């Protein structure tokens, strides 16, 4: 990637997608600082945005502050709770709109998500001359999304770098013996 070192990059992180992928695949948390470094790949950062859902969890504010300290602009949205208890929280349209708005100012758009709902965004950006990259865990990424991208970074390839192991409880340690 030495030929791309002068690229201006916009990074858009679908935090919920990565969080649940890491949790479900590996029982771990994501090291978002390392993910940012991989997505940037020593290029010129124009903006890095992390999109999160506020669920009124007591620890979430610390997490949002940690993302901010790592260099992300943190965009928050409240979790929607519908009559009957159904819940919804996603940033798909917000991420797409921000990526389209920023695309004239950057050479590469990096989407940190495996969500196949972003395929039309990738197609749109590429049709408008944009270099588009996907960063995700291969096991949970849409194969069509990966195929559409100009470049794919598989976070599963170096789990020690991109994951933070959850602390074991005494009961978990005992059952692992």
N, C-alpha and C. Protein backbone atom coordinates (compact mmCIF):
# COMPACT_ATOMS: atom_id res chain seq x y z
N UNK A 1 0.81 -1.19 0.00
CA UNK A 1 0.00 0.00 0.00
C UNK A 1 0.86 1.27 0.00
N UNK A 2 2.15 1.17 -0.26
CA UNK A 2 3.01 2.35 -0.25
C UNK A 2 2.55 3.40 -1.25
N UNK A 3 1.97 2.98 -2.36
CA UNK A 3 1.52 3.94 -3.36
C UNK A 3 0.32 4.76 -2.89
N UNK A 4 -0.31 4.36 -1.83
CA UNK A 4 -1.50 5.05 -1.34
C UNK A 4 -1.24 5.93 -0.13
N UNK A 5 0.01 6.10 0.26
CA UNK A 5 0.34 6.83 1.50
C UNK A 5 -0.12 8.28 1.49
N UNK A 6 -0.28 8.89 0.31
CA UNK A 6 -0.72 10.28 0.24
C UNK A 6 -2.24 10.42 0.18
N UNK A 7 -2.94 9.30 0.27
CA UNK A 7 -4.39 9.34 0.21
C UNK A 7 -4.98 10.06 1.42
N UNK A 8 -6.05 10.81 1.16
CA UNK A 8 -6.87 11.41 2.22
C UNK A 8 -8.00 10.42 2.50
N UNK A 9 -8.20 10.09 3.78
CA UNK A 9 -9.11 9.00 4.14
C UNK A 9 -10.21 9.47 5.08
N UNK A 10 -11.43 8.98 4.82
CA UNK A 10 -12.57 9.14 5.72
C UNK A 10 -12.95 7.76 6.23
N UNK A 11 -13.07 7.63 7.55
CA UNK A 11 -13.35 6.34 8.17
C UNK A 11 -14.69 6.42 8.90
N UNK A 12 -15.55 5.43 8.65
CA UNK A 12 -16.90 5.40 9.20
C UNK A 12 -17.11 4.06 9.90
N UNK A 13 -17.27 4.09 11.22
CA UNK A 13 -17.31 2.86 12.01
C UNK A 13 -18.73 2.59 12.52
N UNK A 14 -19.29 1.47 12.09
CA UNK A 14 -20.57 0.97 12.56
C UNK A 14 -20.28 0.19 13.85
N UNK A 15 -20.25 0.91 14.97
CA UNK A 15 -19.79 0.34 16.24
C UNK A 15 -20.61 -0.88 16.64
N UNK A 16 -21.94 -0.81 16.50
CA UNK A 16 -22.78 -1.94 16.91
C UNK A 16 -22.44 -3.18 16.10
N UNK A 17 -22.22 -3.03 14.80
CA UNK A 17 -21.90 -4.18 13.96
C UNK A 17 -20.62 -4.86 14.43
N UNK A 18 -19.59 -4.06 14.68
CA UNK A 18 -18.32 -4.64 15.13
C UNK A 18 -18.45 -5.23 16.53
N UNK A 19 -19.13 -4.51 17.42
CA UNK A 19 -19.29 -4.96 18.80
C UNK A 19 -19.95 -6.34 18.85
N UNK A 20 -21.09 -6.46 18.15
CA UNK A 20 -21.82 -7.74 18.21
C UNK A 20 -21.10 -8.84 17.44
N UNK A 21 -20.39 -8.51 16.39
CA UNK A 21 -19.60 -9.53 15.69
C UNK A 21 -18.54 -10.11 16.62
N UNK A 22 -17.78 -9.23 17.29
CA UNK A 22 -16.72 -9.69 18.19
C UNK A 22 -17.30 -10.48 19.36
N UNK A 23 -18.40 -10.00 19.90
CA UNK A 23 -19.03 -10.67 21.04
C UNK A 23 -19.55 -12.06 20.64
N UNK A 24 -20.25 -12.14 19.51
CA UNK A 24 -20.84 -13.42 19.09
C UNK A 24 -19.81 -14.41 18.54
N UNK A 25 -18.82 -13.92 17.82
CA UNK A 25 -17.82 -14.81 17.24
C UNK A 25 -16.78 -15.28 18.25
N UNK A 26 -16.32 -14.35 19.10
CA UNK A 26 -15.16 -14.62 19.93
C UNK A 26 -15.37 -14.39 21.42
N UNK A 27 -16.53 -13.90 21.82
CA UNK A 27 -16.75 -13.59 23.23
C UNK A 27 -15.78 -12.52 23.71
N UNK A 28 -15.47 -11.57 22.84
CA UNK A 28 -14.48 -10.54 23.15
C UNK A 28 -15.00 -9.17 22.77
N UNK A 29 -14.24 -8.15 23.14
CA UNK A 29 -14.55 -6.77 22.77
C UNK A 29 -13.57 -6.32 21.70
N UNK A 30 -13.93 -5.27 20.98
CA UNK A 30 -13.11 -4.76 19.89
C UNK A 30 -12.12 -3.73 20.42
N UNK A 31 -10.90 -3.80 19.94
CA UNK A 31 -9.89 -2.78 20.23
C UNK A 31 -10.02 -1.73 19.11
N UNK A 32 -10.87 -0.74 19.34
CA UNK A 32 -11.18 0.24 18.30
C UNK A 32 -9.97 1.10 17.94
N UNK A 33 -9.05 1.30 18.86
CA UNK A 33 -7.84 2.05 18.55
C UNK A 33 -7.01 1.35 17.49
N UNK A 34 -6.86 0.03 17.62
CA UNK A 34 -6.11 -0.74 16.63
C UNK A 34 -6.86 -0.83 15.30
N UNK A 35 -8.18 -0.89 15.37
CA UNK A 35 -8.98 -0.91 14.14
C UNK A 35 -8.78 0.40 13.38
N UNK A 36 -8.75 1.51 14.11
CA UNK A 36 -8.53 2.81 13.48
C UNK A 36 -7.17 2.86 12.78
N UNK A 37 -6.13 2.36 13.46
CA UNK A 37 -4.79 2.33 12.86
C UNK A 37 -4.78 1.50 11.57
N UNK A 38 -5.43 0.34 11.61
CA UNK A 38 -5.46 -0.53 10.43
C UNK A 38 -6.22 0.13 9.27
N UNK A 39 -7.33 0.76 9.59
CA UNK A 39 -8.13 1.42 8.56
C UNK A 39 -7.38 2.60 7.96
N UNK A 40 -6.66 3.33 8.78
CA UNK A 40 -5.92 4.50 8.32
C UNK A 40 -4.69 4.09 7.50
N UNK A 41 -3.99 3.06 7.95
CA UNK A 41 -2.84 2.49 7.23
C UNK A 41 -1.81 3.57 6.87
N UNK A 42 -1.49 4.42 7.84
CA UNK A 42 -0.47 5.48 7.69
C UNK A 42 -0.80 6.51 6.62
N UNK A 43 -2.08 6.66 6.30
CA UNK A 43 -2.48 7.68 5.34
C UNK A 43 -2.97 8.92 6.08
N UNK A 44 -3.38 9.93 5.34
CA UNK A 44 -3.81 11.19 5.93
C UNK A 44 -5.27 11.11 6.35
N UNK A 45 -5.53 11.19 7.65
CA UNK A 45 -6.89 11.12 8.17
C UNK A 45 -7.59 12.46 8.00
N UNK A 46 -8.72 12.45 7.34
CA UNK A 46 -9.55 13.64 7.22
C UNK A 46 -10.59 13.61 8.34
N UNK A 47 -11.30 12.51 8.47
CA UNK A 47 -12.26 12.33 9.58
C UNK A 47 -12.43 10.85 9.87
N UNK A 48 -12.60 10.55 11.16
CA UNK A 48 -12.93 9.19 11.60
C UNK A 48 -14.14 9.31 12.50
N UNK A 49 -15.24 8.72 12.08
CA UNK A 49 -16.49 8.83 12.83
C UNK A 49 -16.93 7.46 13.33
N UNK A 50 -17.29 7.42 14.60
CA UNK A 50 -17.81 6.20 15.22
C UNK A 50 -19.27 6.45 15.56
N UNK A 51 -20.14 5.59 15.08
CA UNK A 51 -21.58 5.74 15.25
C UNK A 51 -22.06 4.76 16.32
N UNK A 52 -22.65 5.30 17.39
CA UNK A 52 -23.05 4.48 18.53
C UNK A 52 -24.52 4.72 18.88
N UNK A 53 -25.09 3.74 19.54
CA UNK A 53 -26.46 3.83 20.03
C UNK A 53 -26.41 3.96 21.55
N UNK A 54 -27.11 4.96 22.06
CA UNK A 54 -27.20 5.15 23.51
C UNK A 54 -28.35 4.29 24.03
N UNK A 55 -28.01 3.37 24.93
CA UNK A 55 -29.01 2.45 25.48
C UNK A 55 -29.18 2.65 26.98
N UNK A 56 -28.69 3.76 27.50
CA UNK A 56 -28.77 4.07 28.93
C UNK A 56 -28.05 3.05 29.79
N UNK A 57 -26.97 2.50 29.27
CA UNK A 57 -26.11 1.59 30.01
C UNK A 57 -25.14 2.44 30.83
N UNK A 58 -24.94 2.12 32.11
CA UNK A 58 -24.09 2.97 32.95
C UNK A 58 -22.63 3.10 32.47
N UNK A 59 -22.12 2.11 31.76
CA UNK A 59 -20.72 2.15 31.31
C UNK A 59 -20.54 2.77 29.93
N UNK A 60 -21.65 3.07 29.25
CA UNK A 60 -21.50 3.51 27.87
C UNK A 60 -20.81 4.86 27.73
N UNK A 61 -21.00 5.76 28.68
CA UNK A 61 -20.37 7.08 28.57
C UNK A 61 -18.84 6.95 28.61
N UNK A 62 -18.32 6.05 29.44
CA UNK A 62 -16.87 5.80 29.48
C UNK A 62 -16.38 5.27 28.13
N UNK A 63 -17.16 4.40 27.54
CA UNK A 63 -16.82 3.84 26.24
C UNK A 63 -16.80 4.94 25.17
N UNK A 64 -17.82 5.81 25.18
CA UNK A 64 -17.89 6.91 24.21
C UNK A 64 -16.69 7.84 24.38
N UNK A 65 -16.32 8.11 25.62
CA UNK A 65 -15.16 8.97 25.90
C UNK A 65 -13.86 8.30 25.43
N UNK A 66 -13.76 6.99 25.59
CA UNK A 66 -12.57 6.27 25.12
C UNK A 66 -12.46 6.35 23.60
N UNK A 67 -13.57 6.21 22.91
CA UNK A 67 -13.55 6.35 21.45
C UNK A 67 -13.08 7.75 21.05
N UNK A 68 -13.56 8.75 21.75
CA UNK A 68 -13.17 10.14 21.48
C UNK A 68 -11.66 10.32 21.68
N UNK A 69 -11.13 9.78 22.75
CA UNK A 69 -9.69 9.91 23.05
C UNK A 69 -8.83 9.18 22.01
N UNK A 70 -9.40 8.16 21.36
CA UNK A 70 -8.65 7.41 20.35
C UNK A 70 -8.66 8.12 18.99
N UNK A 71 -9.41 9.21 18.89
CA UNK A 71 -9.40 9.98 17.65
C UNK A 71 -10.68 9.94 16.84
N UNK A 72 -11.72 9.35 17.38
CA UNK A 72 -12.99 9.28 16.68
C UNK A 72 -13.88 10.47 17.04
N UNK A 73 -14.63 10.94 16.06
CA UNK A 73 -15.77 11.81 16.34
C UNK A 73 -16.90 10.85 16.67
N UNK A 74 -17.47 10.96 17.84
CA UNK A 74 -18.51 10.02 18.26
C UNK A 74 -19.88 10.62 17.98
N UNK A 75 -20.65 9.90 17.18
CA UNK A 75 -22.01 10.31 16.86
C UNK A 75 -22.95 9.37 17.60
N UNK A 76 -23.86 9.94 18.37
CA UNK A 76 -24.77 9.12 19.18
C UNK A 76 -26.21 9.26 18.70
N UNK A 77 -26.95 8.22 18.93
CA UNK A 77 -28.38 8.19 18.65
C UNK A 77 -29.03 7.35 19.75
N UNK A 78 -30.19 7.79 20.22
CA UNK A 78 -30.90 7.04 21.25
C UNK A 78 -31.50 5.76 20.69
N UNK A 79 -31.48 4.71 21.51
CA UNK A 79 -32.15 3.46 21.17
C UNK A 79 -33.66 3.73 21.09
N UNK A 80 -34.30 3.28 20.03
CA UNK A 80 -35.74 3.44 19.90
C UNK A 80 -36.42 2.23 20.54
N UNK A 81 -37.38 2.50 21.40
CA UNK A 81 -38.16 1.43 22.02
C UNK A 81 -39.61 1.62 21.58
N UNK A 82 -40.15 0.60 20.93
CA UNK A 82 -41.49 0.67 20.37
C UNK A 82 -42.50 0.02 21.31
N UNK A 83 -43.76 0.36 21.09
CA UNK A 83 -44.84 -0.26 21.83
C UNK A 83 -44.73 -1.77 21.68
N UNK A 84 -44.83 -2.49 22.77
CA UNK A 84 -44.68 -3.93 22.74
C UNK A 84 -43.27 -4.38 23.11
N UNK A 85 -42.35 -3.43 23.26
CA UNK A 85 -41.01 -3.76 23.71
C UNK A 85 -39.95 -3.95 22.64
N UNK A 86 -40.34 -3.92 21.36
CA UNK A 86 -39.34 -4.05 20.30
C UNK A 86 -38.39 -2.86 20.35
N UNK A 87 -37.11 -3.15 20.04
CA UNK A 87 -36.08 -2.11 20.08
C UNK A 87 -35.37 -2.05 18.74
N UNK A 88 -34.96 -0.82 18.40
CA UNK A 88 -34.22 -0.64 17.15
C UNK A 88 -33.19 0.45 17.35
N UNK A 89 -32.02 0.19 16.82
CA UNK A 89 -30.97 1.20 16.86
C UNK A 89 -29.97 0.92 15.77
N UNK A 90 -29.98 1.72 14.74
CA UNK A 90 -28.94 1.59 13.72
C UNK A 90 -28.67 2.95 13.09
N UNK A 91 -27.54 3.03 12.46
CA UNK A 91 -27.05 4.27 11.88
C UNK A 91 -26.87 4.16 10.37
N UNK A 92 -27.44 3.16 9.73
CA UNK A 92 -27.15 2.91 8.33
C UNK A 92 -27.32 4.15 7.44
N UNK A 93 -28.45 4.82 7.55
CA UNK A 93 -28.70 6.00 6.71
C UNK A 93 -27.74 7.13 7.08
N UNK A 94 -27.50 7.33 8.38
CA UNK A 94 -26.58 8.38 8.82
C UNK A 94 -25.16 8.15 8.31
N UNK A 95 -24.70 6.91 8.39
CA UNK A 95 -23.36 6.58 7.88
C UNK A 95 -23.31 6.82 6.37
N UNK A 96 -24.32 6.36 5.66
CA UNK A 96 -24.35 6.53 4.21
C UNK A 96 -24.33 8.01 3.83
N UNK A 97 -25.14 8.81 4.49
CA UNK A 97 -25.19 10.24 4.16
C UNK A 97 -23.86 10.92 4.46
N UNK A 98 -23.26 10.62 5.60
CA UNK A 98 -21.97 11.22 5.93
C UNK A 98 -20.88 10.81 4.95
N UNK A 99 -20.89 9.55 4.54
CA UNK A 99 -19.89 9.06 3.58
C UNK A 99 -20.06 9.77 2.24
N UNK A 100 -21.28 9.93 1.79
CA UNK A 100 -21.53 10.63 0.52
C UNK A 100 -21.11 12.09 0.63
N UNK A 101 -21.45 12.74 1.74
CA UNK A 101 -21.09 14.15 1.94
C UNK A 101 -19.57 14.35 1.97
N UNK A 102 -18.85 13.43 2.60
CA UNK A 102 -17.40 13.58 2.74
C UNK A 102 -16.65 13.12 1.49
N UNK A 103 -17.26 12.30 0.67
CA UNK A 103 -16.54 11.68 -0.46
C UNK A 103 -15.82 12.66 -1.39
N UNK A 104 -16.32 13.87 -1.65
CA UNK A 104 -15.55 14.77 -2.52
C UNK A 104 -14.25 15.28 -1.88
N UNK A 105 -14.12 15.14 -0.57
CA UNK A 105 -12.97 15.68 0.15
C UNK A 105 -11.90 14.63 0.46
N UNK A 106 -12.15 13.38 0.07
CA UNK A 106 -11.21 12.30 0.38
C UNK A 106 -10.93 11.46 -0.86
N UNK A 107 -9.86 10.68 -0.77
CA UNK A 107 -9.51 9.77 -1.85
C UNK A 107 -10.03 8.36 -1.59
N UNK A 108 -10.28 8.05 -0.32
CA UNK A 108 -10.74 6.71 0.04
C UNK A 108 -11.75 6.79 1.17
N UNK A 109 -12.81 6.03 1.04
CA UNK A 109 -13.83 5.88 2.09
C UNK A 109 -13.62 4.49 2.68
N UNK A 110 -13.46 4.44 4.01
CA UNK A 110 -13.31 3.17 4.70
C UNK A 110 -14.55 2.95 5.56
N UNK A 111 -15.28 1.89 5.25
CA UNK A 111 -16.45 1.51 6.03
C UNK A 111 -16.06 0.35 6.95
N UNK A 112 -16.17 0.57 8.24
CA UNK A 112 -15.82 -0.46 9.21
C UNK A 112 -17.13 -1.12 9.63
N UNK A 113 -17.51 -2.11 8.84
CA UNK A 113 -18.75 -2.84 9.04
C UNK A 113 -18.77 -4.05 8.12
N UNK A 114 -19.54 -5.03 8.49
CA UNK A 114 -19.75 -6.18 7.62
C UNK A 114 -21.18 -6.24 7.12
N UNK A 115 -21.96 -5.19 7.38
CA UNK A 115 -23.39 -5.15 7.10
C UNK A 115 -23.65 -5.02 5.60
N UNK A 116 -24.33 -6.01 5.04
CA UNK A 116 -24.67 -6.02 3.62
C UNK A 116 -25.60 -4.89 3.20
N UNK A 117 -26.23 -4.23 4.16
CA UNK A 117 -27.08 -3.09 3.82
C UNK A 117 -26.29 -1.95 3.18
N UNK A 118 -24.96 -1.98 3.32
CA UNK A 118 -24.13 -0.92 2.76
C UNK A 118 -23.69 -1.19 1.32
N UNK A 119 -24.12 -2.29 0.73
CA UNK A 119 -23.76 -2.60 -0.66
C UNK A 119 -24.17 -1.47 -1.61
N UNK A 120 -25.41 -0.94 -1.54
CA UNK A 120 -25.76 0.17 -2.44
C UNK A 120 -24.88 1.40 -2.24
N UNK A 121 -24.45 1.67 -1.01
CA UNK A 121 -23.55 2.79 -0.75
C UNK A 121 -22.21 2.55 -1.43
N UNK A 122 -21.67 1.35 -1.29
CA UNK A 122 -20.39 1.02 -1.92
C UNK A 122 -20.50 1.18 -3.44
N UNK A 123 -21.57 0.66 -4.01
CA UNK A 123 -21.77 0.78 -5.46
C UNK A 123 -21.86 2.25 -5.88
N UNK A 124 -22.61 3.05 -5.14
CA UNK A 124 -22.75 4.47 -5.45
C UNK A 124 -21.40 5.17 -5.41
N UNK A 125 -20.66 4.96 -4.33
CA UNK A 125 -19.37 5.62 -4.18
C UNK A 125 -18.40 5.22 -5.29
N UNK A 126 -18.36 3.94 -5.60
CA UNK A 126 -17.46 3.47 -6.66
C UNK A 126 -17.87 4.03 -8.02
N UNK A 127 -19.16 4.11 -8.27
CA UNK A 127 -19.64 4.68 -9.54
C UNK A 127 -19.31 6.16 -9.66
N UNK A 128 -19.00 6.80 -8.53
CA UNK A 128 -18.62 8.21 -8.53
C UNK A 128 -17.11 8.37 -8.32
N UNK A 129 -16.35 7.32 -8.66
CA UNK A 129 -14.90 7.40 -8.68
C UNK A 129 -14.20 7.25 -7.35
N UNK A 130 -14.91 6.80 -6.35
CA UNK A 130 -14.34 6.69 -5.01
C UNK A 130 -13.70 5.31 -4.81
N UNK A 131 -12.55 5.28 -4.14
CA UNK A 131 -11.92 4.04 -3.70
C UNK A 131 -12.60 3.67 -2.39
N UNK A 132 -13.14 2.45 -2.26
CA UNK A 132 -13.91 2.06 -1.08
C UNK A 132 -13.30 0.81 -0.46
N UNK A 133 -13.11 0.90 0.86
CA UNK A 133 -12.53 -0.20 1.61
C UNK A 133 -13.51 -0.66 2.69
N UNK A 134 -13.47 -1.94 2.98
CA UNK A 134 -14.28 -2.52 4.05
C UNK A 134 -13.32 -3.12 5.08
N UNK A 135 -13.61 -2.86 6.35
CA UNK A 135 -12.86 -3.45 7.46
C UNK A 135 -13.89 -4.17 8.32
N UNK A 136 -13.70 -5.47 8.51
CA UNK A 136 -14.69 -6.26 9.28
C UNK A 136 -14.10 -7.63 9.60
N UNK A 137 -14.86 -8.39 10.37
CA UNK A 137 -14.53 -9.79 10.63
C UNK A 137 -15.12 -10.60 9.49
N UNK A 138 -14.28 -11.35 8.78
CA UNK A 138 -14.72 -12.07 7.59
C UNK A 138 -15.90 -13.00 7.87
N UNK A 139 -15.89 -13.63 9.04
CA UNK A 139 -16.94 -14.62 9.35
C UNK A 139 -18.32 -14.00 9.44
N UNK A 140 -18.40 -12.71 9.76
CA UNK A 140 -19.71 -12.08 9.91
C UNK A 140 -19.97 -11.01 8.85
N UNK A 141 -19.05 -10.84 7.93
CA UNK A 141 -19.21 -9.83 6.88
C UNK A 141 -19.99 -10.40 5.70
N UNK A 142 -20.82 -9.59 5.11
CA UNK A 142 -21.53 -9.97 3.90
C UNK A 142 -20.51 -10.23 2.79
N UNK A 143 -20.56 -11.41 2.20
CA UNK A 143 -19.61 -11.73 1.14
C UNK A 143 -19.78 -10.81 -0.06
N UNK A 144 -21.00 -10.40 -0.33
CA UNK A 144 -21.26 -9.47 -1.44
C UNK A 144 -20.64 -8.10 -1.15
N UNK A 145 -20.71 -7.65 0.10
CA UNK A 145 -20.10 -6.37 0.49
C UNK A 145 -18.59 -6.44 0.29
N UNK A 146 -17.99 -7.52 0.76
CA UNK A 146 -16.54 -7.72 0.62
C UNK A 146 -16.16 -7.74 -0.86
N UNK A 147 -16.95 -8.43 -1.66
CA UNK A 147 -16.68 -8.54 -3.10
C UNK A 147 -16.76 -7.18 -3.80
N UNK A 148 -17.69 -6.34 -3.38
CA UNK A 148 -17.87 -5.03 -4.01
C UNK A 148 -16.74 -4.05 -3.67
N UNK A 149 -16.08 -4.25 -2.54
CA UNK A 149 -15.05 -3.30 -2.08
C UNK A 149 -13.80 -3.37 -2.94
N UNK A 150 -13.08 -2.25 -2.98
CA UNK A 150 -11.78 -2.23 -3.66
C UNK A 150 -10.71 -2.90 -2.81
N UNK A 151 -10.93 -2.90 -1.50
CA UNK A 151 -9.97 -3.49 -0.57
C UNK A 151 -10.73 -3.98 0.65
N UNK A 152 -10.30 -5.13 1.19
CA UNK A 152 -10.93 -5.68 2.40
C UNK A 152 -9.85 -5.99 3.42
N UNK A 153 -10.06 -5.52 4.64
CA UNK A 153 -9.17 -5.85 5.75
C UNK A 153 -9.95 -6.76 6.69
N UNK A 154 -9.46 -7.98 6.86
CA UNK A 154 -10.11 -8.98 7.70
C UNK A 154 -9.53 -8.89 9.12
N UNK A 155 -10.33 -8.42 10.04
CA UNK A 155 -9.89 -8.29 11.43
C UNK A 155 -9.67 -9.65 12.08
N UNK A 156 -10.28 -10.69 11.54
CA UNK A 156 -10.11 -12.04 12.09
C UNK A 156 -8.69 -12.55 11.89
N UNK A 157 -7.99 -12.00 10.93
CA UNK A 157 -6.64 -12.43 10.63
C UNK A 157 -5.63 -12.15 11.73
N UNK A 158 -5.95 -11.21 12.61
CA UNK A 158 -5.05 -10.90 13.73
C UNK A 158 -5.90 -10.56 14.96
N UNK A 159 -6.54 -11.59 15.49
CA UNK A 159 -7.47 -11.38 16.60
C UNK A 159 -6.78 -10.82 17.84
N UNK A 160 -5.55 -11.19 18.08
CA UNK A 160 -4.84 -10.66 19.26
C UNK A 160 -4.71 -9.14 19.19
N UNK A 161 -4.56 -8.63 18.00
CA UNK A 161 -4.40 -7.19 17.80
C UNK A 161 -5.73 -6.44 17.87
N UNK A 162 -6.77 -7.01 17.31
CA UNK A 162 -8.04 -6.28 17.15
C UNK A 162 -9.10 -6.62 18.20
N UNK A 163 -8.81 -7.56 19.07
CA UNK A 163 -9.79 -7.95 20.11
C UNK A 163 -9.20 -7.76 21.49
N UNK A 164 -10.08 -7.48 22.42
CA UNK A 164 -9.73 -7.40 23.84
C UNK A 164 -10.49 -8.53 24.52
N UNK A 165 -9.76 -9.49 25.07
CA UNK A 165 -10.41 -10.63 25.73
C UNK A 165 -11.18 -10.14 26.94
N UNK A 166 -12.34 -10.71 27.13
CA UNK A 166 -13.13 -10.38 28.33
C UNK A 166 -12.51 -11.06 29.53
N UNK A 167 -12.65 -10.43 30.66
CA UNK A 167 -12.11 -11.03 31.88
C UNK A 167 -12.92 -12.25 32.26
N UNK A 168 -12.20 -13.29 32.68
CA UNK A 168 -12.87 -14.50 33.10
C UNK A 168 -13.34 -14.37 34.55
N UNK A 169 -14.51 -14.88 34.82
CA UNK A 169 -14.95 -14.96 36.22
C UNK A 169 -14.36 -16.24 36.80
N UNK A 170 -14.38 -16.37 38.11
CA UNK A 170 -13.86 -17.59 38.74
C UNK A 170 -14.58 -18.81 38.22
N UNK A 171 -15.91 -18.70 38.03
CA UNK A 171 -16.68 -19.83 37.56
C UNK A 171 -16.26 -20.22 36.13
N UNK A 172 -15.97 -19.24 35.29
CA UNK A 172 -15.54 -19.52 33.92
C UNK A 172 -14.19 -20.22 33.94
N UNK A 173 -13.27 -19.75 34.79
CA UNK A 173 -11.94 -20.38 34.87
C UNK A 173 -12.07 -21.84 35.32
N UNK A 174 -12.94 -22.09 36.29
CA UNK A 174 -13.09 -23.45 36.79
C UNK A 174 -13.65 -24.37 35.72
N UNK A 175 -14.62 -23.87 34.94
CA UNK A 175 -15.21 -24.73 33.93
C UNK A 175 -14.25 -24.96 32.76
N UNK A 176 -13.25 -24.08 32.60
CA UNK A 176 -12.29 -24.22 31.52
C UNK A 176 -11.20 -25.25 31.86
N UNK A 177 -11.09 -25.62 33.11
CA UNK A 177 -10.03 -26.56 33.53
C UNK A 177 -10.32 -27.97 33.13
